[in-house]
Amino acid sequence: MGLGLSICCSFVEAHGGRITVTSKVGKGTTFNILLPHLIAQA
């Protein structure tokens, strides 16, 4: 594993998000990055 996923994980966690991974044999792997939606106050 290179540094890319490690850097992404640090960035996502620092912003209150998470990364999920789904893998299917013969189909591939999917990484989902979930970040919270913040509503700006007026």
PDB file of N, CA and C in Angstrom:
ATOM      1  N   MET A   1       0.848  -1.166   0.000  1.00  0.00           N
ATOM      2  CA  MET A   1       0.000   0.000   0.000  1.00  0.00           C
ATOM      3  C   MET A   1       0.896   1.233   0.000  1.00  0.00           C
ATOM      4  N   GLY A   2       0.574   2.182  -0.855  1.00  0.00           N
ATOM      5  CA  GLY A   2       1.319   3.430  -0.905  1.00  0.00           C
ATOM      6  C   GLY A   2       0.817   4.405   0.146  1.00  0.00           C
ATOM      7  N   LEU A   3       1.259   5.633   0.042  1.00  0.00           N
ATOM      8  CA  LEU A   3       0.865   6.660   1.010  1.00  0.00           C
ATOM      9  C   LEU A   3      -0.498   7.270   0.713  1.00  0.00           C
ATOM     10  N   GLY A   4      -0.997   7.110  -0.495  1.00  0.00           N
ATOM     11  CA  GLY A   4      -2.248   7.761  -0.888  1.00  0.00           C
ATOM     12  C   GLY A   4      -3.415   7.473   0.033  1.00  0.00           C
ATOM     13  N   LEU A   5      -3.675   6.209   0.310  1.00  0.00           N
ATOM     14  CA  LEU A   5      -4.807   5.848   1.164  1.00  0.00           C
ATOM     15  C   LEU A   5      -4.584   6.322   2.594  1.00  0.00           C
ATOM     16  N   SER A   6      -3.368   6.261   3.077  1.00  0.00           N
ATOM     17  CA  SER A   6      -3.057   6.724   4.427  1.00  0.00           C
ATOM     18  C   SER A   6      -3.300   8.228   4.557  1.00  0.00           C
ATOM     19  N   ILE A   7      -2.884   8.988   3.561  1.00  0.00           N
ATOM     20  CA  ILE A   7      -3.093  10.440   3.569  1.00  0.00           C
ATOM     21  C   ILE A   7      -4.578  10.758   3.489  1.00  0.00           C
ATOM     22  N   CYS A   8      -5.300  10.061   2.619  1.00  0.00           N
ATOM     23  CA  CYS A   8      -6.749  10.265   2.499  1.00  0.00           C
ATOM     24  C   CYS A   8      -7.446   9.968   3.819  1.00  0.00           C
ATOM     25  N   CYS A   9      -7.064   8.884   4.462  1.00  0.00           N
ATOM     26  CA  CYS A   9      -7.671   8.492   5.731  1.00  0.00           C
ATOM     27  C   CYS A   9      -7.448   9.570   6.792  1.00  0.00           C
ATOM     28  N   SER A  10      -6.248  10.101   6.877  1.00  0.00           N
ATOM     29  CA  SER A  10      -5.947  11.163   7.845  1.00  0.00           C
ATOM     30  C   SER A  10      -6.784  12.403   7.570  1.00  0.00           C
ATOM     31  N   PHE A  11      -6.898  12.794   6.302  1.00  0.00           N
ATOM     32  CA  PHE A  11      -7.677  13.970   5.915  1.00  0.00           C
ATOM     33  C   PHE A  11      -9.155  13.778   6.249  1.00  0.00           C
ATOM     34  N   VAL A  12      -9.697  12.631   5.877  1.00  0.00           N
ATOM     35  CA  VAL A  12     -11.120  12.357   6.093  1.00  0.00           C
ATOM     36  C   VAL A  12     -11.439  12.319   7.588  1.00  0.00           C
ATOM     37  N   GLU A  13     -10.632  11.637   8.383  1.00  0.00           N
ATOM     38  CA  GLU A  13     -10.866  11.565   9.824  1.00  0.00           C
ATOM     39  C   GLU A  13     -10.739  12.935  10.483  1.00  0.00           C
ATOM     40  N   ALA A  14      -9.810  13.768  10.018  1.00  0.00           N
ATOM     41  CA  ALA A  14      -9.633  15.112  10.575  1.00  0.00           C
ATOM     42  C   ALA A  14     -10.858  15.989  10.331  1.00  0.00           C
ATOM     43  N   HIS A  15     -11.645  15.650   9.314  1.00  0.00           N
ATOM     44  CA  HIS A  15     -12.837  16.419   8.978  1.00  0.00           C
ATOM     45  C   HIS A  15     -14.123  15.722   9.424  1.00  0.00           C
ATOM     46  N   GLY A  16     -13.993  14.742  10.312  1.00  0.00           N
ATOM     47  CA  GLY A  16     -15.164  14.080  10.879  1.00  0.00           C
ATOM     48  C   GLY A  16     -15.828  13.069   9.964  1.00  0.00           C
ATOM     49  N   GLY A  17     -15.116  12.605   8.960  1.00  0.00           N
ATOM     50  CA  GLY A  17     -15.694  11.652   8.022  1.00  0.00           C
ATOM     51  C   GLY A  17     -15.180  10.247   8.236  1.00  0.00           C
ATOM     52  N   ARG A  18     -15.485   9.390   7.271  1.00  0.00           N
ATOM     53  CA  ARG A  18     -15.008   8.011   7.336  1.00  0.00           C
ATOM     54  C   ARG A  18     -14.859   7.453   5.931  1.00  0.00           C
ATOM     55  N   ILE A  19     -14.098   6.397   5.823  1.00  0.00           N
ATOM     56  CA  ILE A  19     -13.893   5.704   4.555  1.00  0.00           C
ATOM     57  C   ILE A  19     -14.408   4.280   4.726  1.00  0.00           C
ATOM     58  N   THR A  20     -15.240   3.830   3.779  1.00  0.00           N
ATOM     59  CA  THR A  20     -15.697   2.445   3.793  1.00  0.00           C
ATOM     60  C   THR A  20     -15.141   1.748   2.557  1.00  0.00           C
ATOM     61  N   VAL A  21     -14.943   0.441   2.684  1.00  0.00           N
ATOM     62  CA  VAL A  21     -14.365  -0.345   1.593  1.00  0.00           C
ATOM     63  C   VAL A  21     -15.248  -1.558   1.331  1.00  0.00           C
ATOM     64  N   THR A  22     -15.561  -1.784   0.051  1.00  0.00           N
ATOM     65  CA  THR A  22     -16.304  -2.966  -0.365  1.00  0.00           C
ATOM     66  C   THR A  22     -15.498  -3.656  -1.445  1.00  0.00           C
ATOM     67  N   SER A  23     -15.330  -4.971  -1.308  1.00  0.00           N
ATOM     68  CA  SER A  23     -14.541  -5.716  -2.278  1.00  0.00           C
ATOM     69  C   SER A  23     -15.297  -6.965  -2.706  1.00  0.00           C
ATOM     70  N   LYS A  24     -15.310  -7.233  -4.017  1.00  0.00           N
ATOM     71  CA  LYS A  24     -15.945  -8.429  -4.558  1.00  0.00           C
ATOM     72  C   LYS A  24     -14.944  -9.143  -5.454  1.00  0.00           C
ATOM     73  N   VAL A  25     -14.746 -10.413  -5.182  1.00  0.00           N
ATOM     74  CA  VAL A  25     -13.798 -11.213  -5.960  1.00  0.00           C
ATOM     75  C   VAL A  25     -14.201 -11.189  -7.433  1.00  0.00           C
ATOM     76  N   GLY A  26     -13.247 -10.876  -8.285  1.00  0.00           N
ATOM     77  CA  GLY A  26     -13.491 -10.844  -9.719  1.00  0.00           C
ATOM     78  C   GLY A  26     -14.171  -9.585 -10.219  1.00  0.00           C
ATOM     79  N   LYS A  27     -14.617  -8.726  -9.298  1.00  0.00           N
ATOM     80  CA  LYS A  27     -15.312  -7.491  -9.680  1.00  0.00           C
ATOM     81  C   LYS A  27     -14.481  -6.250  -9.377  1.00  0.00           C
ATOM     82  N   GLY A  28     -13.779  -6.260  -8.239  1.00  0.00           N
ATOM     83  CA  GLY A  28     -12.962  -5.107  -7.869  1.00  0.00           C
ATOM     84  C   GLY A  28     -13.280  -4.601  -6.472  1.00  0.00           C
ATOM     85  N   THR A  29     -12.690  -3.468  -6.152  1.00  0.00           N
ATOM     86  CA  THR A  29     -12.824  -2.864  -4.827  1.00  0.00           C
ATOM     87  C   THR A  29     -13.317  -1.432  -4.967  1.00  0.00           C
ATOM     88  N   THR A  30     -14.228  -1.037  -4.075  1.00  0.00           N
ATOM     89  CA  THR A  30     -14.773   0.318  -4.074  1.00  0.00           C
ATOM     90  C   THR A  30     -14.470   0.976  -2.735  1.00  0.00           C
ATOM     91  N   PHE A  31     -13.920   2.187  -2.777  1.00  0.00           N
ATOM     92  CA  PHE A  31     -13.679   2.989  -1.584  1.00  0.00           C
ATOM     93  C   PHE A  31     -14.682   4.135  -1.597  1.00  0.00           C
ATOM     94  N   ASN A  32     -15.440   4.288  -0.508  1.00  0.00           N
ATOM     95  CA  ASN A  32     -16.390   5.392  -0.378  1.00  0.00           C
ATOM     96  C   ASN A  32     -15.886   6.346   0.691  1.00  0.00           C
ATOM     97  N   ILE A  33     -15.859   7.627   0.354  1.00  0.00           N
ATOM     98  CA  ILE A  33     -15.454   8.663   1.303  1.00  0.00           C
ATOM     99  C   ILE A  33     -16.707   9.412   1.717  1.00  0.00           C
ATOM    100  N   LEU A  34     -16.995   9.391   3.020  1.00  0.00           N
ATOM    101  CA  LEU A  34     -18.189  10.032   3.554  1.00  0.00           C
ATOM    102  C   LEU A  34     -17.769  11.192   4.444  1.00  0.00           C
ATOM    103  N   LEU A  35     -18.217  12.396   4.097  1.00  0.00           N
ATOM    104  CA  LEU A  35     -17.906  13.601   4.872  1.00  0.00           C
ATOM    105  C   LEU A  35     -19.205  14.223   5.363  1.00  0.00           C
ATOM    106  N   PRO A  36     -19.199  14.799   6.573  1.00  0.00           N
ATOM    107  CA  PRO A  36     -20.413  15.423   7.085  1.00  0.00           C
ATOM    108  C   PRO A  36     -20.750  16.687   6.295  1.00  0.00           C
ATOM    109  N   HIS A  37     -22.042  16.941   6.170  1.00  0.00           N
ATOM    110  CA  HIS A  37     -22.522  18.145   5.494  1.00  0.00           C
ATOM    111  C   HIS A  37     -22.744  19.217   6.556  1.00  0.00           C
ATOM    112  N   LEU A  38     -22.017  20.311   6.457  1.00  0.00           N
ATOM    113  CA  LEU A  38     -22.146  21.392   7.426  1.00  0.00           C
ATOM    114  C   LEU A  38     -23.001  22.506   6.839  1.00  0.00           C
ATOM    115  N   ILE A  39     -23.924  23.008   7.632  1.00  0.00           N
ATOM    116  CA  ILE A  39     -24.788  24.103   7.198  1.00  0.00           C
ATOM    117  C   ILE A  39     -24.253  25.394   7.813  1.00  0.00           C
ATOM    118  N   ALA A  40     -23.939  26.365   6.952  1.00  0.00           N
ATOM    119  CA  ALA A  40     -23.402  27.643   7.419  1.00  0.00           C
ATOM    120  C   ALA A  40     -24.481  28.447   8.130  1.00  0.00           C
ATOM    121  N   GLN A  41     -24.086  29.119   9.215  1.00  0.00           N
ATOM    122  CA  GLN A  41     -25.022  29.970   9.939  1.00  0.00           C
ATOM    123  C   GLN A  41     -24.976  31.373   9.362  1.00  0.00           C
ATOM    124  N   ALA A  42     -26.145  31.984   9.200  1.00  0.00           N
ATOM    125  CA  ALA A  42     -26.224  33.332   8.625  1.00  0.00           C
ATOM    126  C   ALA A  42     -26.002  34.391   9.669  1.00  0.00           C
TER     127      ALA A  42
END
